[in-house]
Structure formats: C-alpha cells, structure tokens
Amino acid sequence: MTNLTTDQIRARVAALGDWFHNIDLNGVSTAPDHFLHDYPNVKWRRFAHAVPQDLSGLTVLDIGCNGGFYSIEMKRRGAERVVGIDFDDRYLAQARFAAEVTRQDIEFRKLSVYDLALLGERFDVVLFMGVLYHLRHPLLALDLIHEHAARDLMIFQSMQRGSETVEPVGIDYDFRQQDHFNAPGYPKLHFIEHQYSGDWTNWWVPNAACAEAMLRSAGFRIVEHPEQEVYVCRRAARPTEAGAVYPARPSTAAPSTGQALENHVRTGSQG
C-alpha cells in the first residue's frame, strides 16, 4: 500500500466514524477518548500471557472483530491465517483500514455468529470477545461455535454483572427446592428489555457463574481464567447425557498455561 502521512491517517480515521477499538495506527489513536480508556489494550494486557505467543501455522477466527484489534494482535503473533467476521459494515471498514495501515494480511467478512456454517471450516483458535451480551440467542451462538468453528482453543470474554461468586451447582434438584435460585453464586443471565449504557444491542448479561455454566453446557472446558471476564477454553464433548458431571473449574490463581496451551494446539491434543 502507499505510505500514508499522519494527517492522512487521522483524516481517514475520522471519516470512518466513531471507533470502539482504540488502535495505534502509526501514532494516531483511533479512539483516544474511549470511556474505558485505552480499550481493548488495557484488557488485552491482563490476559495476553494466556494466549500462545507463537501462532505460526495456526488459523484464527475473530468473531465480532469490531475495529480489528484482536485480529491484528493474532497476526502479530505469527498466525498463518486470520479471519475476522462482523455484521456491522462500519466496523468492517475500520478493521480493513487498521489492517492496511499496520500491514497485516487479514481476511474480513460480513457474517454474524449465526452464519458460522457458511465458513465451511474450523479454526485452531477462535476469539469470541465482547459479543455474547449483544446477542438475542447467546447459548445458540456458543453451540454454533462448538459445532461449526472451533477445532480446539477458544478465548471467550463477556461483560458480567451481579455476583462474582461461583457456587457448586447440583446435577438435579427436586421440584419443590427453590432456595438455590436465590443464591448469589447460582448461574443467572440478566435480561435487558430496553437499553443498557445507551446501547439497545445489549440483551443478556451473565453473572460469573452463568458465564462458566454456559461455556460448559456448550462443550467448552475452561482451562484458564486469567482475567475477571476472560476464559481460555478447549473444545470438548458436550455434556448432553442425563446426569453428566462437569469438570471442576480452574483456580483463578493458577499460573499461566500459555506455553502448555501452545504445545497442546500444535500437537492436536485434547488432554
């Protein structure tokens, strides 16, 4: 591409509208006044260690890629192929421009999470960051990722509200038992009928217990919880049989398993 001056980049960034991803484009910040500050870089720094440092030879799917921050970071780690999908034309235009300026070869396509079967392939690493709470059908989305997109590793993040406590949940309860529904650590998915934070696309917000339970229900085994809202998961068998017992959740204080995950991905291990 033709080298752009700082003024040309700044003008193009402005022309592409409001950015949700603050990305450094050769010294030009795309969202310098973000209400979450340097977002999503501030969050990325808290869990980057849990993602394999070397993605050479691996394919990555970034679902809900927005302005392309995570797609660019995956390409910088050497991913052989990165595909970013989003259903918002404005975000896709921003992502394509960001990839162009940073000289990263990334494929961007207009698809929603409900269209994953159209891709016709699975990916070694799937990013599902900041999307779940924007969906009317969040559990369906996780099921579709498991069924059509994830080969092994999934990095998941969702806004959470309510209690951060995660309490053990029984496999079954008598019809007359009700107290557990009111326990702070019982899985709860909060429904937003109108808007939240001025955004009508916010539909469902889980508490911590619900986020973990939904991942397990869709067939993802949590192997690391490096940040409050972030879970590193491995694709596993879905617990569809009656009486299935879920694996224990990992300790939040556990050391990084980034290198171990990298080894697992490379060998194809489902350990």
C-alpha atoms as a PDB file:
ATOM      1  CA  MET A   1       0.000   0.000   0.000  1.00  0.00           C
ATOM      2  CA  THR A   2       1.016   3.620  -0.413  1.00  0.00           C
ATOM      3  CA  ASN A   3       2.534   5.073   2.726  1.00  0.00           C
ATOM      4  CA  LEU A   4       0.053   7.438   4.351  1.00  0.00           C
ATOM      5  CA  THR A   5       1.045  10.544   6.239  1.00  0.00           C
ATOM      6  CA  THR A   6      -0.103  11.086   9.801  1.00  0.00           C
ATOM      7  CA  ASP A   7      -2.608  13.664   8.620  1.00  0.00           C
ATOM      8  CA  GLN A   8      -3.995  11.278   6.011  1.00  0.00           C
ATOM      9  CA  ILE A   9      -4.407   8.518   8.592  1.00  0.00           C
ATOM     10  CA  ARG A  10      -6.051  10.922  11.021  1.00  0.00           C
ATOM     11  CA  ALA A  11      -8.469  12.111   8.341  1.00  0.00           C
ATOM     12  CA  ARG A  12      -9.390   8.571   7.341  1.00  0.00           C
ATOM     13  CA  VAL A  13      -9.901   7.531  10.975  1.00  0.00           C
ATOM     14  CA  ALA A  14     -12.301  10.459  11.420  1.00  0.00           C
ATOM     15  CA  ALA A  15     -14.139   9.651   8.192  1.00  0.00           C
ATOM     16  CA  LEU A  16     -14.763   6.084   9.336  1.00  0.00           C
ATOM     17  CA  GLY A  17     -16.840   7.331  12.281  1.00  0.00           C
ATOM     18  CA  ASP A  18     -16.711   6.542  15.980  1.00  0.00           C
ATOM     19  CA  TRP A  19     -14.363   3.688  16.857  1.00  0.00           C
ATOM     20  CA  PHE A  20     -14.912   1.309  19.773  1.00  0.00           C
ATOM     21  CA  HIS A  21     -11.439  -0.179  19.442  1.00  0.00           C
ATOM     22  CA  ASN A  22      -8.625   2.202  20.263  1.00  0.00           C
ATOM     23  CA  ILE A  23      -5.808   1.143  17.941  1.00  0.00           C
ATOM     24  CA  ASP A  24      -2.466   2.857  17.433  1.00  0.00           C
ATOM     25  CA  LEU A  25      -2.150   3.487  13.712  1.00  0.00           C
ATOM     26  CA  ASN A  26       1.373   4.803  13.286  1.00  0.00           C
ATOM     27  CA  GLY A  27       0.937   7.255  16.133  1.00  0.00           C
ATOM     28  CA  VAL A  28      -2.742   8.021  15.511  1.00  0.00           C
ATOM     29  CA  SER A  29      -5.151   6.706  18.161  1.00  0.00           C
ATOM     30  CA  THR A  30      -8.498   5.681  16.736  1.00  0.00           C
ATOM     31  CA  ALA A  31     -10.453   6.225  19.982  1.00  0.00           C
ATOM     32  CA  PRO A  32      -8.315   8.409  22.255  1.00  0.00           C
ATOM     33  CA  ASP A  33     -11.281   9.488  24.399  1.00  0.00           C
ATOM     34  CA  HIS A  34     -12.708   5.998  24.964  1.00  0.00           C
ATOM     35  CA  PHE A  35     -14.795   5.818  28.156  1.00  0.00           C
ATOM     36  CA  LEU A  36     -12.894   2.637  29.063  1.00  0.00           C
ATOM     37  CA  HIS A  37      -9.582   4.408  28.373  1.00  0.00           C
ATOM     38  CA  ASP A  38      -7.131   2.530  26.118  1.00  0.00           C
ATOM     39  CA  TYR A  39      -9.610  -0.203  25.261  1.00  0.00           C
ATOM     40  CA  PRO A  40      -9.249  -3.055  24.425  1.00  0.00           C
ATOM     41  CA  ASN A  41      -5.496  -2.866  25.006  1.00  0.00           C
ATOM     42  CA  VAL A  42      -5.995  -2.389  28.755  1.00  0.00           C
ATOM     43  CA  LYS A  43      -7.880  -5.684  28.884  1.00  0.00           C
ATOM     44  CA  TRP A  44      -5.559  -7.462  26.451  1.00  0.00           C
ATOM     45  CA  ARG A  45      -2.573  -6.756  28.687  1.00  0.00           C
ATOM     46  CA  ARG A  46      -4.276  -8.645  31.526  1.00  0.00           C
ATOM     47  CA  PHE A  47      -4.700 -11.904  29.623  1.00  0.00           C
ATOM     48  CA  ALA A  48      -2.240 -11.787  26.717  1.00  0.00           C
ATOM     49  CA  HIS A  49       0.065 -14.177  28.591  1.00  0.00           C
ATOM     50  CA  ALA A  50      -2.609 -16.886  28.425  1.00  0.00           C
ATOM     51  CA  VAL A  51      -2.691 -16.892  24.607  1.00  0.00           C
ATOM     52  CA  PRO A  52       0.092 -18.790  22.806  1.00  0.00           C
ATOM     53  CA  GLN A  53       2.914 -16.399  21.962  1.00  0.00           C
ATOM     54  CA  ASP A  54       3.713 -18.217  18.718  1.00  0.00           C
ATOM     55  CA  LEU A  55       0.733 -18.936  16.465  1.00  0.00           C
ATOM     56  CA  SER A  56       2.831 -19.922  13.458  1.00  0.00           C
ATOM     57  CA  GLY A  57       0.997 -22.358  11.208  1.00  0.00           C
ATOM     58  CA  LEU A  58      -2.323 -21.851  13.009  1.00  0.00           C
ATOM     59  CA  THR A  59      -5.622 -20.401  11.835  1.00  0.00           C
ATOM     60  CA  VAL A  60      -7.622 -17.881  13.867  1.00  0.00           C
ATOM     61  CA  LEU A  61     -11.258 -16.791  13.677  1.00  0.00           C
ATOM     62  CA  ASP A  62     -12.176 -13.489  15.341  1.00  0.00           C
ATOM     63  CA  ILE A  63     -15.964 -13.429  15.836  1.00  0.00           C
ATOM     64  CA  GLY A  64     -17.328  -9.921  16.184  1.00  0.00           C
ATOM     65  CA  CYS A  65     -13.982  -8.448  15.184  1.00  0.00           C
ATOM     66  CA  ASN A  66     -15.139  -4.822  15.544  1.00  0.00           C
ATOM     67  CA  GLY A  67     -12.259  -2.489  14.610  1.00  0.00           C
ATOM     68  CA  GLY A  68      -9.814  -5.381  14.283  1.00  0.00           C
ATOM     69  CA  PHE A  69      -7.679  -5.009  17.414  1.00  0.00           C
ATOM     70  CA  TYR A  70      -7.571  -8.715  18.312  1.00  0.00           C
ATOM     71  CA  SER A  71      -7.258  -9.837  14.685  1.00  0.00           C
ATOM     72  CA  ILE A  72      -4.173  -7.659  14.337  1.00  0.00           C
ATOM     73  CA  GLU A  73      -2.689  -8.985  17.581  1.00  0.00           C
ATOM     74  CA  MET A  74      -3.172 -12.579  16.423  1.00  0.00           C
ATOM     75  CA  LYS A  75      -1.435 -11.836  13.135  1.00  0.00           C
ATOM     76  CA  ARG A  76       1.410 -10.174  15.025  1.00  0.00           C
ATOM     77  CA  ARG A  77       1.877 -13.467  16.877  1.00  0.00           C
ATOM     78  CA  GLY A  78       2.503 -15.176  13.564  1.00  0.00           C
ATOM     79  CA  ALA A  79      -0.865 -16.771  12.804  1.00  0.00           C
ATOM     80  CA  GLU A  80      -0.809 -18.224   9.311  1.00  0.00           C
ATOM     81  CA  ARG A  81      -4.355 -17.049   8.589  1.00  0.00           C
ATOM     82  CA  VAL A  82      -6.715 -14.744  10.456  1.00  0.00           C
ATOM     83  CA  VAL A  83     -10.359 -14.297   9.519  1.00  0.00           C
ATOM     84  CA  GLY A  84     -12.377 -11.572  11.204  1.00  0.00           C
ATOM     85  CA  ILE A  85     -16.154 -11.512  10.922  1.00  0.00           C
ATOM     86  CA  ASP A  86     -18.645  -8.853  11.914  1.00  0.00           C
ATOM     87  CA  PHE A  87     -22.128  -7.842  10.788  1.00  0.00           C
ATOM     88  CA  ASP A  88     -21.542  -4.092  11.026  1.00  0.00           C
ATOM     89  CA  ASP A  89     -20.245  -2.521   7.819  1.00  0.00           C
ATOM     90  CA  ARG A  90     -18.730   0.401   9.716  1.00  0.00           C
ATOM     91  CA  TYR A  91     -16.650  -1.857  11.952  1.00  0.00           C
ATOM     92  CA  LEU A  92     -15.532  -3.930   8.964  1.00  0.00           C
ATOM     93  CA  ALA A  93     -14.387  -0.783   7.153  1.00  0.00           C
ATOM     94  CA  GLN A  94     -12.463   0.287  10.252  1.00  0.00           C
ATOM     95  CA  ALA A  95     -10.878  -3.156  10.624  1.00  0.00           C
ATOM     96  CA  ARG A  96      -9.800  -3.274   6.990  1.00  0.00           C
ATOM     97  CA  PHE A  97      -8.207   0.159   7.266  1.00  0.00           C
ATOM     98  CA  ALA A  98      -6.448  -0.720  10.540  1.00  0.00           C
ATOM     99  CA  ALA A  99      -5.054  -3.897   8.989  1.00  0.00           C
ATOM    100  CA  GLU A 100      -3.907  -1.943   5.943  1.00  0.00           C
ATOM    101  CA  VAL A 101      -2.070   0.681   7.986  1.00  0.00           C
ATOM    102  CA  THR A 102      -0.442  -1.936  10.246  1.00  0.00           C
ATOM    103  CA  ARG A 103       0.429  -4.044   7.175  1.00  0.00           C
ATOM    104  CA  GLN A 104      -1.308  -7.174   8.403  1.00  0.00           C
ATOM    105  CA  ASP A 105      -2.821  -9.592   5.878  1.00  0.00           C
ATOM    106  CA  ILE A 106      -6.228 -10.336   7.425  1.00  0.00           C
ATOM    107  CA  GLU A 107      -9.430 -11.522   5.758  1.00  0.00           C
ATOM    108  CA  PHE A 108     -12.582  -9.716   6.882  1.00  0.00           C
ATOM    109  CA  ARG A 109     -16.064 -10.951   6.023  1.00  0.00           C
ATOM    110  CA  LYS A 110     -19.573  -9.721   6.735  1.00  0.00           C
ATOM    111  CA  LEU A 111     -21.093 -12.576   8.727  1.00  0.00           C
ATOM    112  CA  SER A 112     -22.798 -12.964  12.072  1.00  0.00           C
ATOM    113  CA  VAL A 113     -22.096 -15.665  14.612  1.00  0.00           C
ATOM    114  CA  TYR A 114     -25.282 -17.363  13.419  1.00  0.00           C
ATOM    115  CA  ASP A 115     -23.708 -17.728   9.941  1.00  0.00           C
ATOM    116  CA  LEU A 116     -20.667 -19.758  11.012  1.00  0.00           C
ATOM    117  CA  ALA A 117     -21.682 -22.798   8.973  1.00  0.00           C
ATOM    118  CA  LEU A 118     -21.177 -20.696   5.831  1.00  0.00           C
ATOM    119  CA  LEU A 119     -17.440 -20.549   6.536  1.00  0.00           C
ATOM    120  CA  GLY A 120     -17.206 -24.281   5.965  1.00  0.00           C
ATOM    121  CA  GLU A 121     -14.120 -24.733   8.135  1.00  0.00           C
ATOM    122  CA  ARG A 122     -12.848 -24.993  11.684  1.00  0.00           C
ATOM    123  CA  PHE A 123     -10.122 -22.835  13.196  1.00  0.00           C
ATOM    124  CA  ASP A 124      -7.313 -23.665  15.614  1.00  0.00           C
ATOM    125  CA  VAL A 125      -8.092 -20.586  17.721  1.00  0.00           C
ATOM    126  CA  VAL A 126     -11.470 -18.865  17.995  1.00  0.00           C
ATOM    127  CA  LEU A 127     -11.837 -15.450  19.629  1.00  0.00           C
ATOM    128  CA  PHE A 128     -15.302 -14.663  20.987  1.00  0.00           C
ATOM    129  CA  MET A 129     -14.659 -11.388  22.750  1.00  0.00           C
ATOM    130  CA  GLY A 130     -17.340  -8.963  23.887  1.00  0.00           C
ATOM    131  CA  VAL A 131     -20.101 -10.452  21.745  1.00  0.00           C
ATOM    132  CA  LEU A 132     -22.276 -12.688  23.917  1.00  0.00           C
ATOM    133  CA  TYR A 133     -24.194  -9.891  25.639  1.00  0.00           C
ATOM    134  CA  HIS A 134     -25.090  -8.321  22.281  1.00  0.00           C
ATOM    135  CA  LEU A 135     -26.956 -11.457  21.166  1.00  0.00           C
ATOM    136  CA  ARG A 136     -30.629 -12.326  21.486  1.00  0.00           C
ATOM    137  CA  HIS A 137     -29.687 -16.019  21.403  1.00  0.00           C
ATOM    138  CA  PRO A 138     -26.385 -16.340  23.288  1.00  0.00           C
ATOM    139  CA  LEU A 139     -26.405 -20.060  24.058  1.00  0.00           C
ATOM    140  CA  LEU A 140     -27.231 -20.836  20.430  1.00  0.00           C
ATOM    141  CA  ALA A 141     -24.156 -18.825  19.446  1.00  0.00           C
ATOM    142  CA  LEU A 142     -21.915 -20.905  21.712  1.00  0.00           C
ATOM    143  CA  ASP A 143     -23.455 -24.094  20.332  1.00  0.00           C
ATOM    144  CA  LEU A 144     -22.758 -22.947  16.775  1.00  0.00           C
ATOM    145  CA  ILE A 145     -19.140 -22.108  17.605  1.00  0.00           C
ATOM    146  CA  HIS A 146     -18.719 -25.596  19.027  1.00  0.00           C
ATOM    147  CA  GLU A 147     -20.487 -27.227  16.093  1.00  0.00           C
ATOM    148  CA  HIS A 148     -19.025 -25.300  13.169  1.00  0.00           C
ATOM    149  CA  ALA A 149     -15.999 -23.169  14.050  1.00  0.00           C
ATOM    150  CA  ALA A 150     -13.812 -24.307  16.953  1.00  0.00           C
ATOM    151  CA  ARG A 151     -11.230 -27.000  16.387  1.00  0.00           C
ATOM    152  CA  ASP A 152      -9.505 -26.648  19.741  1.00  0.00           C
ATOM    153  CA  LEU A 153      -8.899 -23.367  21.544  1.00  0.00           C
ATOM    154  CA  MET A 154     -11.462 -20.645  22.270  1.00  0.00           C
ATOM    155  CA  ILE A 155     -10.798 -17.354  24.032  1.00  0.00           C
ATOM    156  CA  PHE A 156     -14.041 -16.023  25.489  1.00  0.00           C
ATOM    157  CA  GLN A 157     -14.931 -12.715  27.129  1.00  0.00           C
ATOM    158  CA  SER A 158     -18.238 -11.263  28.211  1.00  0.00           C
ATOM    159  CA  MET A 159     -19.339  -8.337  30.292  1.00  0.00           C
ATOM    160  CA  GLN A 160     -20.561  -9.657  33.640  1.00  0.00           C
ATOM    161  CA  ARG A 161     -22.936  -8.196  36.197  1.00  0.00           C
ATOM    162  CA  GLY A 162     -24.203  -9.480  39.515  1.00  0.00           C
ATOM    163  CA  SER A 163     -22.288 -11.641  41.942  1.00  0.00           C
ATOM    164  CA  GLU A 164     -18.742 -12.757  41.168  1.00  0.00           C
ATOM    165  CA  THR A 165     -19.284 -15.759  43.466  1.00  0.00           C
ATOM    166  CA  VAL A 166     -19.394 -19.177  41.822  1.00  0.00           C
ATOM    167  CA  GLU A 167     -21.057 -21.820  43.972  1.00  0.00           C
ATOM    168  CA  PRO A 168     -21.299 -25.561  43.278  1.00  0.00           C
ATOM    169  CA  VAL A 169     -24.469 -26.442  41.410  1.00  0.00           C
ATOM    170  CA  GLY A 170     -26.236 -29.755  41.856  1.00  0.00           C
ATOM    171  CA  ILE A 171     -26.838 -32.081  38.933  1.00  0.00           C
ATOM    172  CA  ASP A 172     -30.539 -32.102  39.771  1.00  0.00           C
ATOM    173  CA  TYR A 173     -32.996 -30.557  42.230  1.00  0.00           C
ATOM    174  CA  ASP A 174     -36.390 -31.579  43.485  1.00  0.00           C
ATOM    175  CA  PHE A 175     -39.256 -29.544  42.003  1.00  0.00           C
ATOM    176  CA  ARG A 176     -40.017 -28.106  45.432  1.00  0.00           C
ATOM    177  CA  GLN A 177     -36.462 -26.875  46.010  1.00  0.00           C
ATOM    178  CA  GLN A 178     -36.175 -23.175  45.248  1.00  0.00           C
ATOM    179  CA  ASP A 179     -33.598 -21.628  47.562  1.00  0.00           C
ATOM    180  CA  HIS A 180     -30.716 -22.257  45.165  1.00  0.00           C
ATOM    181  CA  PHE A 181     -32.269 -19.912  42.600  1.00  0.00           C
ATOM    182  CA  ASN A 182     -31.739 -17.017  45.009  1.00  0.00           C
ATOM    183  CA  ALA A 183     -28.159 -17.927  45.926  1.00  0.00           C
ATOM    184  CA  PRO A 184     -25.658 -15.246  44.774  1.00  0.00           C
ATOM    185  CA  GLY A 185     -23.432 -17.833  43.109  1.00  0.00           C
ATOM    186  CA  TYR A 186     -26.174 -19.602  41.144  1.00  0.00           C
ATOM    187  CA  PRO A 187     -25.956 -19.066  37.348  1.00  0.00           C
ATOM    188  CA  LYS A 188     -28.055 -16.075  36.305  1.00  0.00           C
ATOM    189  CA  LEU A 189     -28.479 -14.446  32.904  1.00  0.00           C
ATOM    190  CA  HIS A 190     -29.846 -10.921  33.263  1.00  0.00           C
ATOM    191  CA  PHE A 191     -32.230  -9.833  30.506  1.00  0.00           C
ATOM    192  CA  ILE A 192     -32.138  -6.241  29.250  1.00  0.00           C
ATOM    193  CA  GLU A 193     -35.521  -5.380  27.780  1.00  0.00           C
ATOM    194  CA  HIS A 194     -34.691  -1.878  26.563  1.00  0.00           C
ATOM    195  CA  GLN A 195     -31.144  -0.465  26.718  1.00  0.00           C
ATOM    196  CA  TYR A 196     -28.072  -0.656  28.891  1.00  0.00           C
ATOM    197  CA  SER A 197     -25.400   2.045  28.815  1.00  0.00           C
ATOM    198  CA  GLY A 198     -27.311   3.701  25.988  1.00  0.00           C
ATOM    199  CA  ASP A 199     -26.939   0.623  23.765  1.00  0.00           C
ATOM    200  CA  TRP A 200     -30.023  -1.217  22.546  1.00  0.00           C
ATOM    201  CA  THR A 201     -27.871  -4.125  21.343  1.00  0.00           C
ATOM    202  CA  ASN A 202     -27.151  -5.182  24.923  1.00  0.00           C
ATOM    203  CA  TRP A 203     -29.557  -8.072  25.511  1.00  0.00           C
ATOM    204  CA  TRP A 204     -28.239 -10.521  28.103  1.00  0.00           C
ATOM    205  CA  VAL A 205     -25.567 -10.132  30.778  1.00  0.00           C
ATOM    206  CA  PRO A 206     -24.420 -13.187  32.771  1.00  0.00           C
ATOM    207  CA  ASN A 207     -23.028 -13.313  36.248  1.00  0.00           C
ATOM    208  CA  ALA A 208     -19.738 -15.169  36.638  1.00  0.00           C
ATOM    209  CA  ALA A 209     -21.400 -18.476  37.457  1.00  0.00           C
ATOM    210  CA  CYS A 210     -23.615 -18.245  34.392  1.00  0.00           C
ATOM    211  CA  ALA A 211     -20.747 -17.449  32.029  1.00  0.00           C
ATOM    212  CA  GLU A 212     -18.905 -20.553  33.201  1.00  0.00           C
ATOM    213  CA  ALA A 213     -22.013 -22.736  33.128  1.00  0.00           C
ATOM    214  CA  MET A 214     -22.898 -21.675  29.588  1.00  0.00           C
ATOM    215  CA  LEU A 215     -19.401 -22.470  28.352  1.00  0.00           C
ATOM    216  CA  ARG A 216     -19.526 -25.935  29.911  1.00  0.00           C
ATOM    217  CA  SER A 217     -23.028 -26.555  28.581  1.00  0.00           C
ATOM    218  CA  ALA A 218     -21.911 -25.741  25.041  1.00  0.00           C
ATOM    219  CA  GLY A 219     -18.995 -28.171  25.285  1.00  0.00           C
ATOM    220  CA  PHE A 220     -16.068 -25.932  26.228  1.00  0.00           C
ATOM    221  CA  ARG A 221     -13.739 -26.950  29.032  1.00  0.00           C
ATOM    222  CA  ILE A 222     -12.329 -23.978  30.938  1.00  0.00           C
ATOM    223  CA  VAL A 223      -8.579 -24.413  31.326  1.00  0.00           C
ATOM    224  CA  GLU A 224      -7.612 -20.946  32.496  1.00  0.00           C
ATOM    225  CA  HIS A 225      -9.347 -17.870  33.893  1.00  0.00           C
ATOM    226  CA  PRO A 226      -6.651 -15.201  33.536  1.00  0.00           C
ATOM    227  CA  GLU A 227      -8.887 -12.145  33.826  1.00  0.00           C
ATOM    228  CA  GLN A 228     -12.221 -11.477  35.518  1.00  0.00           C
ATOM    229  CA  GLU A 229     -14.229 -11.686  32.290  1.00  0.00           C
ATOM    230  CA  VAL A 230     -11.897 -13.843  30.183  1.00  0.00           C
ATOM    231  CA  TYR A 231     -11.830 -17.625  29.904  1.00  0.00           C
ATOM    232  CA  VAL A 232      -9.421 -19.784  27.924  1.00  0.00           C
ATOM    233  CA  CYS A 233     -11.294 -22.899  26.823  1.00  0.00           C
ATOM    234  CA  ARG A 234     -10.685 -26.125  24.986  1.00  0.00           C
ATOM    235  CA  ARG A 235     -13.313 -27.687  22.761  1.00  0.00           C
ATOM    236  CA  ALA A 236     -14.560 -30.900  24.388  1.00  0.00           C
ATOM    237  CA  ALA A 237     -17.511 -33.244  24.201  1.00  0.00           C
ATOM    238  CA  ARG A 238     -20.816 -31.614  25.009  1.00  0.00           C
ATOM    239  CA  PRO A 239     -22.405 -32.850  28.273  1.00  0.00           C
ATOM    240  CA  THR A 240     -25.639 -33.940  26.636  1.00  0.00           C
ATOM    241  CA  GLU A 241     -26.244 -37.126  28.574  1.00  0.00           C
ATOM    242  CA  ALA A 242     -28.507 -37.024  31.607  1.00  0.00           C
ATOM    243  CA  GLY A 243     -26.534 -36.855  34.810  1.00  0.00           C
ATOM    244  CA  ALA A 244     -23.350 -35.664  33.115  1.00  0.00           C
ATOM    245  CA  VAL A 245     -20.816 -34.359  35.607  1.00  0.00           C
ATOM    246  CA  TYR A 246     -18.911 -31.239  34.584  1.00  0.00           C
ATOM    247  CA  PRO A 247     -15.168 -30.929  35.176  1.00  0.00           C
ATOM    248  CA  ALA A 248     -14.003 -28.828  38.091  1.00  0.00           C
ATOM    249  CA  ARG A 249     -13.359 -25.161  37.378  1.00  0.00           C
ATOM    250  CA  PRO A 250      -9.723 -23.998  37.434  1.00  0.00           C
ATOM    251  CA  SER A 251      -8.236 -21.841  40.137  1.00  0.00           C
ATOM    252  CA  THR A 252      -8.107 -18.150  39.274  1.00  0.00           C
ATOM    253  CA  ALA A 253      -4.705 -18.047  40.979  1.00  0.00           C
ATOM    254  CA  ALA A 254      -3.215 -20.707  38.709  1.00  0.00           C
ATOM    255  CA  PRO A 255      -0.061 -19.741  36.798  1.00  0.00           C
ATOM    256  CA  SER A 256      -0.264 -19.061  33.093  1.00  0.00           C
ATOM    257  CA  THR A 257      -0.714 -22.080  30.869  1.00  0.00           C
ATOM    258  CA  GLY A 258       0.057 -20.170  27.693  1.00  0.00           C
ATOM    259  CA  GLN A 259       3.054 -22.347  26.808  1.00  0.00           C
ATOM    260  CA  ALA A 260       1.175 -25.522  27.665  1.00  0.00           C
ATOM    261  CA  LEU A 261      -1.738 -24.404  25.500  1.00  0.00           C
ATOM    262  CA  GLU A 262       0.641 -23.694  22.655  1.00  0.00           C
ATOM    263  CA  ASN A 263       2.010 -27.222  22.915  1.00  0.00           C
ATOM    264  CA  HIS A 264      -1.498 -28.680  23.054  1.00  0.00           C
ATOM    265  CA  VAL A 265      -2.606 -26.754  19.991  1.00  0.00           C
ATOM    266  CA  ARG A 266       0.418 -27.817  17.999  1.00  0.00           C
ATOM    267  CA  THR A 267       0.070 -31.498  18.831  1.00  0.00           C
ATOM    268  CA  GLY A 268      -3.699 -31.523  18.476  1.00  0.00           C
ATOM    269  CA  SER A 269      -4.000 -32.900  21.995  1.00  0.00           C
ATOM    270  CA  GLN A 270      -7.433 -32.821  23.586  1.00  0.00           C
ATOM    271  CA  GLY A 271      -6.000 -33.582  27.036  1.00  0.00           C
END
